[in-house]
C-alpha cells in the first residue's frame, strides 16, 4: 500500500512540539501544534489547509505569526481547531498588527476557527484579511464523537485532556485507502495519470457504480487533448483495478497529566493507531516532577501506547533537562511499550472535562 499520509516531527524531540502531515499527491498539509516553525520550509506552510492546536502554551502557539507572515498576500483558507479560548487567542494575535492597507490586496486570507468546548460541542468564528481580521461570529455546532474535520478522504477527532488547562489530543484517519493495481490497468490498456485521482475521489465520495469516469489518454507532452479519452463505469473500475482497504491512523498526544480519565481518553482516541506521536517529557525516575507539571513520563507514554494497541510509537517533547540522554528516554519508552521494565503507578484523580 502506498501511504497517503506522510507525518514527521517539525523539530527534534527536545524542540517545540509539532507534527506536519503531508498528503501524497494532494499538495496539502496538516499541522498539529504551532510551536517554533523555523525548521518548516515556507512551501510546506503554503500548503496548509488545517492546523490543530493542542493548547495555547507558548511552545505550542508561538508559530502562529510565522504562518501568518508566510500566507499574507495569498488566496487561502486555513482552518484552525483548538481548545477553549482558541478563537480569542487567534483574534488577539491578529489584532496586534495594523491592517489599514488590506484594501490593496487582491487576494483574501481567511482563518476559520473551531473552538472545542467538549467532545459534543464547539463554536466557530472567522477572520478575513479583507475585513481587517475583525472577528466574524459563527455559531455553536454539535460534534459527533469529537469529530472536528471530515471530508471524503480524512477524519480528525479530538479528545479533551487535562494539563491544568484544557488540552486537545487528536487522531487523524483516512476514511479508507484506495489502491490501484497498475498491472491490471495495463491488462485493460488503461494509462496511469491524474485521472486516477478522480477515480479514487469518486469511490471515497460513495458515487454510484453507474457513474462515468473519464479516462484521460495523455499525449507525448503529458497532457490530454480529449480525443483519446474514454468513459468507463465506476463499478467496473472498482472491480477490475482497485482494492479498497482500511486507511492509516495517526494519533497526536501532548501535555497530559497521568490521570485515570486522561488515560481512558488517550487509549480510546489512539486505539490501533499506525503511529502514535506522544509526549514523554520526563524520565521514569522523575514521575513526581511529571505529576506536578501534569506531563507524562517515558514509562507512562509507552504504557499508553501499548494499551491503545498502537503499531508504532514516536516519543517526543523531551524536557531539556535530559539533553544528551535521548537514547535513555527512548529506551524507557520502548521497554514500556513492549510490556517490559518498570510498571507505572496507577493514574491518580480525574481529568477536567
C-alpha atoms as a PDB file:
ATOM      1  CA  UNK A   1       0.000   0.000   0.000  1.00  0.00           C
ATOM      2  CA  UNK A   2       1.370   3.414  -0.964  1.00  0.00           C
ATOM      3  CA  UNK A   3       0.641   5.583   2.101  1.00  0.00           C
ATOM      4  CA  UNK A   4      -1.402   8.735   1.630  1.00  0.00           C
ATOM      5  CA  UNK A   5      -0.305  10.298   4.934  1.00  0.00           C
ATOM      6  CA  UNK A   6       3.349  11.173   5.485  1.00  0.00           C
ATOM      7  CA  UNK A   7       3.875  12.572   9.014  1.00  0.00           C
ATOM      8  CA  UNK A   8       7.092  13.927  10.512  1.00  0.00           C
ATOM      9  CA  UNK A   9       8.177  15.894  13.574  1.00  0.00           C
ATOM     10  CA  UNK A  10       8.783  19.564  12.809  1.00  0.00           C
ATOM     11  CA  UNK A  11      11.626  19.754  15.334  1.00  0.00           C
ATOM     12  CA  UNK A  12      13.874  17.300  17.145  1.00  0.00           C
ATOM     13  CA  UNK A  13      12.359  15.646  20.244  1.00  0.00           C
ATOM     14  CA  UNK A  14      13.798  18.351  22.528  1.00  0.00           C
ATOM     15  CA  UNK A  15      12.375  21.219  20.460  1.00  0.00           C
ATOM     16  CA  UNK A  16       8.902  22.698  20.389  1.00  0.00           C
ATOM     17  CA  UNK A  17       6.293  20.028  19.640  1.00  0.00           C
ATOM     18  CA  UNK A  18       4.656  19.804  16.250  1.00  0.00           C
ATOM     19  CA  UNK A  19       3.844  17.216  13.602  1.00  0.00           C
ATOM     20  CA  UNK A  20       3.391  18.024   9.923  1.00  0.00           C
ATOM     21  CA  UNK A  21       1.409  15.589   7.775  1.00  0.00           C
ATOM     22  CA  UNK A  22       1.789  15.670   4.002  1.00  0.00           C
ATOM     23  CA  UNK A  23      -0.926  14.184   1.805  1.00  0.00           C
ATOM     24  CA  UNK A  24       0.723  12.397  -1.078  1.00  0.00           C
ATOM     25  CA  UNK A  25      -0.361  13.693  -4.489  1.00  0.00           C
ATOM     26  CA  UNK A  26      -2.601  16.366  -2.910  1.00  0.00           C
ATOM     27  CA  UNK A  27      -0.142  19.227  -2.327  1.00  0.00           C
ATOM     28  CA  UNK A  28      -1.900  19.592   1.008  1.00  0.00           C
ATOM     29  CA  UNK A  29      -0.515  19.703   4.524  1.00  0.00           C
ATOM     30  CA  UNK A  30      -1.939  19.403   8.022  1.00  0.00           C
ATOM     31  CA  UNK A  31      -0.133  20.697  11.096  1.00  0.00           C
ATOM     32  CA  UNK A  32      -0.533  19.579  14.680  1.00  0.00           C
ATOM     33  CA  UNK A  33       0.558  22.395  17.015  1.00  0.00           C
ATOM     34  CA  UNK A  34       2.130  25.748  16.311  1.00  0.00           C
ATOM     35  CA  UNK A  35       5.449  25.730  18.125  1.00  0.00           C
ATOM     36  CA  UNK A  36       8.674  27.071  16.633  1.00  0.00           C
ATOM     37  CA  UNK A  37       8.295  26.526  12.870  1.00  0.00           C
ATOM     38  CA  UNK A  38      11.638  27.808  11.605  1.00  0.00           C
ATOM     39  CA  UNK A  39      12.605  24.286  10.528  1.00  0.00           C
ATOM     40  CA  UNK A  40       9.498  24.054   8.341  1.00  0.00           C
ATOM     41  CA  UNK A  41      10.090  25.290   4.768  1.00  0.00           C
ATOM     42  CA  UNK A  42       7.718  28.040   3.561  1.00  0.00           C
ATOM     43  CA  UNK A  43       6.498  25.789   0.718  1.00  0.00           C
ATOM     44  CA  UNK A  44       5.058  23.426   3.326  1.00  0.00           C
ATOM     45  CA  UNK A  45       3.367  26.261   5.209  1.00  0.00           C
ATOM     46  CA  UNK A  46       1.854  27.400   1.914  1.00  0.00           C
ATOM     47  CA  UNK A  47       0.185  24.001   1.559  1.00  0.00           C
ATOM     48  CA  UNK A  48      -1.546  24.109   4.946  1.00  0.00           C
ATOM     49  CA  UNK A  49      -5.281  23.538   4.866  1.00  0.00           C
ATOM     50  CA  UNK A  50      -5.776  22.690   8.547  1.00  0.00           C
ATOM     51  CA  UNK A  51      -3.995  23.404  11.833  1.00  0.00           C
ATOM     52  CA  UNK A  52      -4.838  21.542  15.038  1.00  0.00           C
ATOM     53  CA  UNK A  53      -3.680  23.271  18.226  1.00  0.00           C
ATOM     54  CA  UNK A  54      -3.472  21.304  21.458  1.00  0.00           C
ATOM     55  CA  UNK A  55      -3.430  24.376  23.732  1.00  0.00           C
ATOM     56  CA  UNK A  56      -2.009  27.875  23.803  1.00  0.00           C
ATOM     57  CA  UNK A  57       1.125  27.498  25.902  1.00  0.00           C
ATOM     58  CA  UNK A  58       3.883  29.411  24.139  1.00  0.00           C
ATOM     59  CA  UNK A  59       5.744  26.342  22.860  1.00  0.00           C
ATOM     60  CA  UNK A  60       2.540  25.179  21.155  1.00  0.00           C
ATOM     61  CA  UNK A  61       1.354  28.505  19.703  1.00  0.00           C
ATOM     62  CA  UNK A  62       4.321  30.820  19.057  1.00  0.00           C
ATOM     63  CA  UNK A  63       4.466  29.716  15.415  1.00  0.00           C
ATOM     64  CA  UNK A  64       1.152  31.329  14.503  1.00  0.00           C
ATOM     65  CA  UNK A  65       2.927  34.525  13.484  1.00  0.00           C
ATOM     66  CA  UNK A  66       5.180  32.645  11.078  1.00  0.00           C
ATOM     67  CA  UNK A  67       2.171  31.046   9.419  1.00  0.00           C
ATOM     68  CA  UNK A  68       0.504  34.448   9.178  1.00  0.00           C
ATOM     69  CA  UNK A  69       3.597  36.124   7.708  1.00  0.00           C
ATOM     70  CA  UNK A  70       4.021  33.385   5.106  1.00  0.00           C
ATOM     71  CA  UNK A  71       0.385  33.370   3.988  1.00  0.00           C
ATOM     72  CA  UNK A  72      -0.453  37.089   3.880  1.00  0.00           C
ATOM     73  CA  UNK A  73      -0.882  38.010   0.233  1.00  0.00           C
ATOM     74  CA  UNK A  74      -2.078  34.525  -0.733  1.00  0.00           C
ATOM     75  CA  UNK A  75      -5.607  33.473  -1.614  1.00  0.00           C
ATOM     76  CA  UNK A  76      -6.080  30.817   1.019  1.00  0.00           C
ATOM     77  CA  UNK A  77      -8.468  29.448   3.618  1.00  0.00           C
ATOM     78  CA  UNK A  78      -6.909  27.809   6.665  1.00  0.00           C
ATOM     79  CA  UNK A  79      -8.987  26.009   9.251  1.00  0.00           C
ATOM     80  CA  UNK A  80      -7.710  26.185  12.825  1.00  0.00           C
ATOM     81  CA  UNK A  81      -9.024  23.939  15.588  1.00  0.00           C
ATOM     82  CA  UNK A  82      -8.174  24.282  19.245  1.00  0.00           C
ATOM     83  CA  UNK A  83      -9.461  24.169  22.823  1.00  0.00           C
ATOM     84  CA  UNK A  84     -11.477  26.682  24.804  1.00  0.00           C
ATOM     85  CA  UNK A  85     -10.002  30.133  24.179  1.00  0.00           C
ATOM     86  CA  UNK A  86      -8.566  29.491  20.700  1.00  0.00           C
ATOM     87  CA  UNK A  87     -10.947  31.940  18.979  1.00  0.00           C
ATOM     88  CA  UNK A  88      -9.913  34.780  21.265  1.00  0.00           C
ATOM     89  CA  UNK A  89      -6.241  33.767  21.089  1.00  0.00           C
ATOM     90  CA  UNK A  90      -6.206  33.910  17.269  1.00  0.00           C
ATOM     91  CA  UNK A  91      -8.064  37.222  17.337  1.00  0.00           C
ATOM     92  CA  UNK A  92      -5.602  38.744  19.789  1.00  0.00           C
ATOM     93  CA  UNK A  93      -2.606  37.731  17.680  1.00  0.00           C
ATOM     94  CA  UNK A  94      -4.187  39.250  14.579  1.00  0.00           C
ATOM     95  CA  UNK A  95      -5.213  42.399  16.454  1.00  0.00           C
ATOM     96  CA  UNK A  96      -1.582  43.031  17.388  1.00  0.00           C
ATOM     97  CA  UNK A  97      -0.875  44.247  13.848  1.00  0.00           C
ATOM     98  CA  UNK A  98      -2.142  47.193  11.812  1.00  0.00           C
ATOM     99  CA  UNK A  99      -4.195  46.228   8.756  1.00  0.00           C
ATOM    100  CA  UNK A 100      -5.023  49.623   7.223  1.00  0.00           C
ATOM    101  CA  UNK A 101      -3.711  48.609   3.756  1.00  0.00           C
ATOM    102  CA  UNK A 102      -5.761  45.463   3.309  1.00  0.00           C
ATOM    103  CA  UNK A 103      -7.963  47.072   0.630  1.00  0.00           C
ATOM    104  CA  UNK A 104      -4.939  46.974  -1.689  1.00  0.00           C
ATOM    105  CA  UNK A 105      -4.794  43.213  -1.638  1.00  0.00           C
ATOM    106  CA  UNK A 106      -6.480  41.376  -4.496  1.00  0.00           C
ATOM    107  CA  UNK A 107      -6.354  38.131  -2.508  1.00  0.00           C
ATOM    108  CA  UNK A 108      -8.021  37.187   0.738  1.00  0.00           C
ATOM    109  CA  UNK A 109      -6.547  35.151   3.574  1.00  0.00           C
ATOM    110  CA  UNK A 110      -9.208  33.565   5.764  1.00  0.00           C
ATOM    111  CA  UNK A 111      -8.831  31.786   9.103  1.00  0.00           C
ATOM    112  CA  UNK A 112     -11.825  29.645  10.049  1.00  0.00           C
ATOM    113  CA  UNK A 113     -11.519  28.807  13.739  1.00  0.00           C
ATOM    114  CA  UNK A 114     -13.251  25.998  15.602  1.00  0.00           C
ATOM    115  CA  UNK A 115     -13.147  26.042  19.396  1.00  0.00           C
ATOM    116  CA  UNK A 116     -13.811  22.667  21.007  1.00  0.00           C
ATOM    117  CA  UNK A 117     -15.766  23.186  24.202  1.00  0.00           C
ATOM    118  CA  UNK A 118     -16.373  19.473  24.867  1.00  0.00           C
ATOM    119  CA  UNK A 119     -16.451  16.220  22.932  1.00  0.00           C
ATOM    120  CA  UNK A 120     -20.007  17.027  21.827  1.00  0.00           C
ATOM    121  CA  UNK A 121     -19.916  20.754  21.085  1.00  0.00           C
ATOM    122  CA  UNK A 122     -17.846  23.536  19.551  1.00  0.00           C
ATOM    123  CA  UNK A 123     -18.222  27.128  18.418  1.00  0.00           C
ATOM    124  CA  UNK A 124     -16.837  28.839  15.358  1.00  0.00           C
ATOM    125  CA  UNK A 125     -15.597  32.218  14.145  1.00  0.00           C
ATOM    126  CA  UNK A 126     -13.899  33.618  11.058  1.00  0.00           C
ATOM    127  CA  UNK A 127     -11.167  36.201  10.472  1.00  0.00           C
ATOM    128  CA  UNK A 128     -10.671  37.622   6.947  1.00  0.00           C
ATOM    129  CA  UNK A 129      -7.836  39.821   5.739  1.00  0.00           C
ATOM    130  CA  UNK A 130     -10.215  41.911   3.626  1.00  0.00           C
ATOM    131  CA  UNK A 131     -12.219  42.606   6.780  1.00  0.00           C
ATOM    132  CA  UNK A 132      -9.002  43.661   8.557  1.00  0.00           C
ATOM    133  CA  UNK A 133      -9.241  40.417  10.510  1.00  0.00           C
ATOM    134  CA  UNK A 134     -12.169  41.638  12.572  1.00  0.00           C
ATOM    135  CA  UNK A 135     -13.938  38.732  14.186  1.00  0.00           C
ATOM    136  CA  UNK A 136     -16.924  37.396  12.291  1.00  0.00           C
ATOM    137  CA  UNK A 137     -19.027  35.338  14.649  1.00  0.00           C
ATOM    138  CA  UNK A 138     -20.120  31.901  13.590  1.00  0.00           C
ATOM    139  CA  UNK A 139     -22.201  29.816  15.920  1.00  0.00           C
ATOM    140  CA  UNK A 140     -22.312  26.706  18.018  1.00  0.00           C
ATOM    141  CA  UNK A 141     -22.058  23.359  16.273  1.00  0.00           C
ATOM    142  CA  UNK A 142     -22.552  19.820  17.566  1.00  0.00           C
ATOM    143  CA  UNK A 143     -19.679  17.351  17.376  1.00  0.00           C
ATOM    144  CA  UNK A 144     -20.160  13.653  16.764  1.00  0.00           C
ATOM    145  CA  UNK A 145     -17.637  11.581  18.724  1.00  0.00           C
ATOM    146  CA  UNK A 146     -15.321  14.590  18.860  1.00  0.00           C
ATOM    147  CA  UNK A 147     -15.092  14.831  15.057  1.00  0.00           C
ATOM    148  CA  UNK A 148     -13.685  18.256  14.149  1.00  0.00           C
ATOM    149  CA  UNK A 149     -12.927  17.597  10.456  1.00  0.00           C
ATOM    150  CA  UNK A 150     -14.463  15.192   7.980  1.00  0.00           C
ATOM    151  CA  UNK A 151     -14.200  15.136   4.213  1.00  0.00           C
ATOM    152  CA  UNK A 152     -14.116  12.459   1.519  1.00  0.00           C
ATOM    153  CA  UNK A 153     -10.604  11.366   2.472  1.00  0.00           C
ATOM    154  CA  UNK A 154      -9.988  12.281   6.096  1.00  0.00           C
ATOM    155  CA  UNK A 155     -11.499  12.441   9.539  1.00  0.00           C
ATOM    156  CA  UNK A 156      -9.953  14.139  12.586  1.00  0.00           C
ATOM    157  CA  UNK A 157     -11.275  13.538  16.098  1.00  0.00           C
ATOM    158  CA  UNK A 158     -10.330  15.439  19.239  1.00  0.00           C
ATOM    159  CA  UNK A 159     -10.339  14.473  22.915  1.00  0.00           C
ATOM    160  CA  UNK A 160     -10.170  16.992  25.749  1.00  0.00           C
ATOM    161  CA  UNK A 161      -7.375  16.200  28.226  1.00  0.00           C
ATOM    162  CA  UNK A 162      -6.291  17.820  31.491  1.00  0.00           C
ATOM    163  CA  UNK A 163      -2.988  19.710  31.596  1.00  0.00           C
ATOM    164  CA  UNK A 164      -4.095  22.159  34.248  1.00  0.00           C
ATOM    165  CA  UNK A 165      -5.850  23.747  31.267  1.00  0.00           C
ATOM    166  CA  UNK A 166      -7.889  22.004  28.572  1.00  0.00           C
ATOM    167  CA  UNK A 167      -5.535  20.373  26.070  1.00  0.00           C
ATOM    168  CA  UNK A 168      -6.655  18.576  22.930  1.00  0.00           C
ATOM    169  CA  UNK A 169      -5.293  15.274  21.662  1.00  0.00           C
ATOM    170  CA  UNK A 170      -6.080  14.345  18.059  1.00  0.00           C
ATOM    171  CA  UNK A 171      -6.496  11.287  15.848  1.00  0.00           C
ATOM    172  CA  UNK A 172      -6.230  11.633  12.063  1.00  0.00           C
ATOM    173  CA  UNK A 173      -7.722   8.795  10.000  1.00  0.00           C
ATOM    174  CA  UNK A 174      -8.220   8.054   6.335  1.00  0.00           C
ATOM    175  CA  UNK A 175     -11.851   7.201   5.652  1.00  0.00           C
ATOM    176  CA  UNK A 176     -10.492   4.349   3.509  1.00  0.00           C
ATOM    177  CA  UNK A 177      -7.469   3.722   1.323  1.00  0.00           C
ATOM    178  CA  UNK A 178      -7.835   3.042  -2.387  1.00  0.00           C
ATOM    179  CA  UNK A 179      -5.019   1.090  -4.050  1.00  0.00           C
ATOM    180  CA  UNK A 180      -4.617   0.992  -7.840  1.00  0.00           C
ATOM    181  CA  UNK A 181      -3.215  -2.176  -9.411  1.00  0.00           C
ATOM    182  CA  UNK A 182      -1.006  -0.876 -12.218  1.00  0.00           C
ATOM    183  CA  UNK A 183      -0.661  -4.361 -13.724  1.00  0.00           C
ATOM    184  CA  UNK A 184      -4.446  -4.553 -14.064  1.00  0.00           C
ATOM    185  CA  UNK A 185      -4.522  -1.126 -15.679  1.00  0.00           C
ATOM    186  CA  UNK A 186      -2.009  -2.385 -18.224  1.00  0.00           C
ATOM    187  CA  UNK A 187      -4.098  -5.511 -18.866  1.00  0.00           C
ATOM    188  CA  UNK A 188      -7.046  -3.261 -19.747  1.00  0.00           C
ATOM    189  CA  UNK A 189      -4.918  -0.913 -21.818  1.00  0.00           C
ATOM    190  CA  UNK A 190      -5.563   1.983 -19.429  1.00  0.00           C
ATOM    191  CA  UNK A 191      -2.919   4.657 -18.747  1.00  0.00           C
ATOM    192  CA  UNK A 192      -1.560   5.837 -15.438  1.00  0.00           C
ATOM    193  CA  UNK A 193      -2.304   9.511 -14.924  1.00  0.00           C
ATOM    194  CA  UNK A 194      -4.118  12.239 -12.973  1.00  0.00           C
ATOM    195  CA  UNK A 195      -7.491  10.715 -13.893  1.00  0.00           C
ATOM    196  CA  UNK A 196      -6.835   8.090 -11.215  1.00  0.00           C
ATOM    197  CA  UNK A 197      -7.237  10.761  -8.551  1.00  0.00           C
ATOM    198  CA  UNK A 198     -10.742  11.461  -9.854  1.00  0.00           C
ATOM    199  CA  UNK A 199     -11.422   7.733  -9.756  1.00  0.00           C
ATOM    200  CA  UNK A 200     -10.292   7.466  -6.135  1.00  0.00           C
ATOM    201  CA  UNK A 201     -12.304  10.532  -5.137  1.00  0.00           C
ATOM    202  CA  UNK A 202     -15.421   9.055  -6.747  1.00  0.00           C
ATOM    203  CA  UNK A 203     -15.000   5.903  -4.660  1.00  0.00           C
ATOM    204  CA  UNK A 204     -14.387   7.803  -1.419  1.00  0.00           C
ATOM    205  CA  UNK A 205     -17.383  10.061  -2.063  1.00  0.00           C
ATOM    206  CA  UNK A 206     -19.570   6.997  -2.480  1.00  0.00           C
ATOM    207  CA  UNK A 207     -20.750   7.740  -6.017  1.00  0.00           C
ATOM    208  CA  UNK A 208     -22.997   5.059  -7.569  1.00  0.00           C
ATOM    209  CA  UNK A 209     -21.405   2.313  -9.635  1.00  0.00           C
ATOM    210  CA  UNK A 210     -23.024   3.540 -12.846  1.00  0.00           C
ATOM    211  CA  UNK A 211     -21.196   6.884 -12.584  1.00  0.00           C
ATOM    212  CA  UNK A 212     -18.940   7.516 -15.564  1.00  0.00           C
ATOM    213  CA  UNK A 213     -15.214   8.100 -15.064  1.00  0.00           C
ATOM    214  CA  UNK A 214     -13.269   9.880 -17.777  1.00  0.00           C
ATOM    215  CA  UNK A 215     -10.058   8.001 -18.564  1.00  0.00           C
ATOM    216  CA  UNK A 216      -7.697  10.611 -19.940  1.00  0.00           C
ATOM    217  CA  UNK A 217      -5.209   9.392 -22.548  1.00  0.00           C
ATOM    218  CA  UNK A 218      -2.105  11.594 -22.309  1.00  0.00           C
ATOM    219  CA  UNK A 219      -0.250  12.950 -25.312  1.00  0.00           C
ATOM    220  CA  UNK A 220       3.558  12.911 -25.574  1.00  0.00           C
ATOM    221  CA  UNK A 221       3.664  16.258 -23.751  1.00  0.00           C
ATOM    222  CA  UNK A 222       1.821  14.634 -20.821  1.00  0.00           C
ATOM    223  CA  UNK A 223      -1.476  16.432 -21.414  1.00  0.00           C
ATOM    224  CA  UNK A 224      -4.721  15.030 -22.737  1.00  0.00           C
ATOM    225  CA  UNK A 225      -6.441  16.532 -25.762  1.00  0.00           C
ATOM    226  CA  UNK A 226      -9.715  14.702 -25.223  1.00  0.00           C
ATOM    227  CA  UNK A 227      -9.621  12.796 -28.499  1.00  0.00           C
ATOM    228  CA  UNK A 228      -8.459   9.527 -26.987  1.00  0.00           C
ATOM    229  CA  UNK A 229     -10.482   9.803 -23.766  1.00  0.00           C
ATOM    230  CA  UNK A 230     -12.860   7.041 -22.731  1.00  0.00           C
ATOM    231  CA  UNK A 231     -15.817   6.958 -20.344  1.00  0.00           C
ATOM    232  CA  UNK A 232     -15.957   3.843 -18.177  1.00  0.00           C
ATOM    233  CA  UNK A 233     -18.376   2.889 -15.384  1.00  0.00           C
ATOM    234  CA  UNK A 234     -17.117   3.340 -11.848  1.00  0.00           C
ATOM    235  CA  UNK A 235     -18.345  -0.105 -10.796  1.00  0.00           C
ATOM    236  CA  UNK A 236     -16.259  -1.861 -13.450  1.00  0.00           C
ATOM    237  CA  UNK A 237     -13.127   0.070 -12.499  1.00  0.00           C
ATOM    238  CA  UNK A 238     -13.659  -0.654  -8.802  1.00  0.00           C
ATOM    239  CA  UNK A 239     -13.937  -4.360  -9.528  1.00  0.00           C
ATOM    240  CA  UNK A 240     -11.131  -4.645 -12.061  1.00  0.00           C
ATOM    241  CA  UNK A 241      -8.359  -2.254 -10.987  1.00  0.00           C
ATOM    242  CA  UNK A 242      -8.953  -1.118  -7.404  1.00  0.00           C
ATOM    243  CA  UNK A 243      -8.510  -2.518  -3.921  1.00  0.00           C
ATOM    244  CA  UNK A 244     -10.221  -0.721  -1.030  1.00  0.00           C
ATOM    245  CA  UNK A 245      -8.579  -1.306   2.356  1.00  0.00           C
ATOM    246  CA  UNK A 246      -8.637   0.361   5.792  1.00  0.00           C
ATOM    247  CA  UNK A 247      -6.717   3.629   5.814  1.00  0.00           C
ATOM    248  CA  UNK A 248      -3.953   4.966   8.020  1.00  0.00           C
ATOM    249  CA  UNK A 249      -4.453   6.349  11.506  1.00  0.00           C
ATOM    250  CA  UNK A 250      -2.133   8.823  13.210  1.00  0.00           C
ATOM    251  CA  UNK A 251      -2.626   9.982  16.795  1.00  0.00           C
ATOM    252  CA  UNK A 252      -1.085  13.027  18.478  1.00  0.00           C
ATOM    253  CA  UNK A 253      -0.928  13.385  22.281  1.00  0.00           C
ATOM    254  CA  UNK A 254       0.920  16.089  24.213  1.00  0.00           C
ATOM    255  CA  UNK A 255       0.895  17.700  27.639  1.00  0.00           C
ATOM    256  CA  UNK A 256      -1.393  15.470  29.650  1.00  0.00           C
ATOM    257  CA  UNK A 257      -1.440  14.544  33.313  1.00  0.00           C
ATOM    258  CA  UNK A 258      -1.399  10.808  34.014  1.00  0.00           C
ATOM    259  CA  UNK A 259      -4.921  10.655  35.424  1.00  0.00           C
ATOM    260  CA  UNK A 260      -7.475   7.886  35.105  1.00  0.00           C
ATOM    261  CA  UNK A 261      -9.730   9.913  32.833  1.00  0.00           C
ATOM    262  CA  UNK A 262      -6.864  11.120  30.651  1.00  0.00           C
ATOM    263  CA  UNK A 263      -5.643   7.539  30.337  1.00  0.00           C
ATOM    264  CA  UNK A 264      -9.065   6.320  29.218  1.00  0.00           C
ATOM    265  CA  UNK A 265      -9.466   9.128  26.680  1.00  0.00           C
ATOM    266  CA  UNK A 266      -5.984   8.696  25.220  1.00  0.00           C
ATOM    267  CA  UNK A 267      -6.345   4.931  24.854  1.00  0.00           C
ATOM    268  CA  UNK A 268      -9.758   5.277  23.196  1.00  0.00           C
ATOM    269  CA  UNK A 269      -8.600   8.022  20.823  1.00  0.00           C
ATOM    270  CA  UNK A 270      -5.348   6.288  19.794  1.00  0.00           C
ATOM    271  CA  UNK A 271      -6.829   2.792  19.530  1.00  0.00           C
ATOM    272  CA  UNK A 272      -4.987   0.807  16.806  1.00  0.00           C
ATOM    273  CA  UNK A 273      -3.125   3.870  15.526  1.00  0.00           C
ATOM    274  CA  UNK A 274      -0.462   3.134  12.938  1.00  0.00           C
ATOM    275  CA  UNK A 275       1.682   5.842  14.535  1.00  0.00           C
ATOM    276  CA  UNK A 276       1.170   7.447  17.931  1.00  0.00           C
ATOM    277  CA  UNK A 277       3.130  10.652  18.475  1.00  0.00           C
ATOM    278  CA  UNK A 278       3.167  11.030  22.244  1.00  0.00           C
ATOM    279  CA  UNK A 279       4.980  13.260  24.681  1.00  0.00           C
ATOM    280  CA  UNK A 280       7.468  11.647  27.072  1.00  0.00           C
ATOM    281  CA  UNK A 281       8.645  14.742  28.861  1.00  0.00           C
ATOM    282  CA  UNK A 282      10.156  13.132  31.948  1.00  0.00           C
ATOM    283  CA  UNK A 283      12.202  10.047  32.725  1.00  0.00           C
ATOM    284  CA  UNK A 284      10.561   7.310  34.740  1.00  0.00           C
ATOM    285  CA  UNK A 285      12.579   8.234  37.833  1.00  0.00           C
ATOM    286  CA  UNK A 286      11.073  11.725  37.802  1.00  0.00           C
ATOM    287  CA  UNK A 287       7.416  10.702  37.983  1.00  0.00           C
ATOM    288  CA  UNK A 288       6.736  13.030  40.945  1.00  0.00           C
ATOM    289  CA  UNK A 289       8.007  16.026  38.971  1.00  0.00           C
ATOM    290  CA  UNK A 290       5.985  14.879  35.952  1.00  0.00           C
ATOM    291  CA  UNK A 291       2.811  14.679  38.035  1.00  0.00           C
ATOM    292  CA  UNK A 292       3.453  18.166  39.420  1.00  0.00           C
ATOM    293  CA  UNK A 293       3.900  19.559  35.888  1.00  0.00           C
ATOM    294  CA  UNK A 294       0.974  17.489  34.535  1.00  0.00           C
ATOM    295  CA  UNK A 295       3.130  15.765  31.918  1.00  0.00           C
ATOM    296  CA  UNK A 296       3.774  12.115  31.041  1.00  0.00           C
ATOM    297  CA  UNK A 297       6.860  10.102  31.855  1.00  0.00           C
ATOM    298  CA  UNK A 298       8.560   7.766  29.397  1.00  0.00           C
ATOM    299  CA  UNK A 299       7.041   4.716  31.028  1.00  0.00           C
ATOM    300  CA  UNK A 300       3.583   6.228  31.122  1.00  0.00           C
ATOM    301  CA  UNK A 301       3.831   7.151  27.426  1.00  0.00           C
ATOM    302  CA  UNK A 302       4.991   3.663  26.453  1.00  0.00           C
ATOM    303  CA  UNK A 303       2.281   2.036  28.530  1.00  0.00           C
ATOM    304  CA  UNK A 304      -0.447   4.192  26.981  1.00  0.00           C
ATOM    305  CA  UNK A 305       0.798   3.245  23.519  1.00  0.00           C
ATOM    306  CA  UNK A 306       0.701  -0.447  24.404  1.00  0.00           C
ATOM    307  CA  UNK A 307      -2.792  -0.204  25.924  1.00  0.00           C
ATOM    308  CA  UNK A 308      -4.016   1.589  22.801  1.00  0.00           C
ATOM    309  CA  UNK A 309      -2.598  -1.148  20.564  1.00  0.00           C
ATOM    310  CA  UNK A 310      -0.582   1.370  18.543  1.00  0.00           C
ATOM    311  CA  UNK A 311       1.637  -0.217  15.910  1.00  0.00           C
ATOM    312  CA  UNK A 312       4.433   2.314  16.267  1.00  0.00           C
ATOM    313  CA  UNK A 313       5.326   4.877  18.908  1.00  0.00           C
ATOM    314  CA  UNK A 314       7.128   8.180  18.284  1.00  0.00           C
ATOM    315  CA  UNK A 315       8.039   9.768  21.636  1.00  0.00           C
ATOM    316  CA  UNK A 316       8.907  13.476  21.653  1.00  0.00           C
ATOM    317  CA  UNK A 317       8.630  16.699  23.694  1.00  0.00           C
ATOM    318  CA  UNK A 318      11.549  15.605  25.894  1.00  0.00           C
ATOM    319  CA  UNK A 319      12.404  18.040  28.695  1.00  0.00           C
ATOM    320  CA  UNK A 320      15.662  19.969  28.085  1.00  0.00           C
ATOM    321  CA  UNK A 321      16.890  18.683  31.457  1.00  0.00           C
ATOM    322  CA  UNK A 322      17.698  15.397  29.672  1.00  0.00           C
ATOM    323  CA  UNK A 323      19.795  16.949  26.894  1.00  0.00           C
ATOM    324  CA  UNK A 324      22.252  14.304  25.680  1.00  0.00           C
ATOM    325  CA  UNK A 325      20.164  11.469  27.140  1.00  0.00           C
ATOM    326  CA  UNK A 326      17.658  10.936  24.330  1.00  0.00           C
ATOM    327  CA  UNK A 327      18.709   7.296  23.948  1.00  0.00           C
ATOM    328  CA  UNK A 328      17.853   6.628  27.586  1.00  0.00           C
ATOM    329  CA  UNK A 329      14.403   8.185  27.229  1.00  0.00           C
ATOM    330  CA  UNK A 330      13.659   6.240  24.060  1.00  0.00           C
ATOM    331  CA  UNK A 331      14.790   3.020  25.709  1.00  0.00           C
ATOM    332  CA  UNK A 332      12.447   3.559  28.664  1.00  0.00           C
ATOM    333  CA  UNK A 333       9.553   4.269  26.293  1.00  0.00           C
ATOM    334  CA  UNK A 334      10.336   1.207  24.155  1.00  0.00           C
ATOM    335  CA  UNK A 335      10.548  -1.121  27.146  1.00  0.00           C
ATOM    336  CA  UNK A 336       7.202   0.050  28.492  1.00  0.00           C
ATOM    337  CA  UNK A 337       5.661  -0.155  25.013  1.00  0.00           C
ATOM    338  CA  UNK A 338       6.830  -3.767  24.783  1.00  0.00           C
ATOM    339  CA  UNK A 339       5.473  -4.557  28.267  1.00  0.00           C
ATOM    340  CA  UNK A 340       8.883  -4.750  29.907  1.00  0.00           C
ATOM    341  CA  UNK A 341      10.589  -2.647  32.510  1.00  0.00           C
ATOM    342  CA  UNK A 342       9.063  -0.526  35.235  1.00  0.00           C
ATOM    343  CA  UNK A 343       5.288  -0.518  35.696  1.00  0.00           C
ATOM    344  CA  UNK A 344       3.856   2.996  36.132  1.00  0.00           C
ATOM    345  CA  UNK A 345       1.885   3.851  39.224  1.00  0.00           C
ATOM    346  CA  UNK A 346      -1.872   3.841  38.783  1.00  0.00           C
ATOM    347  CA  UNK A 347      -3.293   7.078  37.390  1.00  0.00           C
ATOM    348  CA  UNK A 348      -4.437   9.485  40.065  1.00  0.00           C
ATOM    349  CA  UNK A 349      -7.611  11.576  40.142  1.00  0.00           C
ATOM    350  CA  UNK A 350      -9.837  12.608  37.267  1.00  0.00           C
ATOM    351  CA  UNK A 351      -9.258  14.993  34.415  1.00  0.00           C
ATOM    352  CA  UNK A 352     -11.288  18.131  33.872  1.00  0.00           C
ATOM    353  CA  UNK A 353     -13.979  17.715  31.231  1.00  0.00           C
END
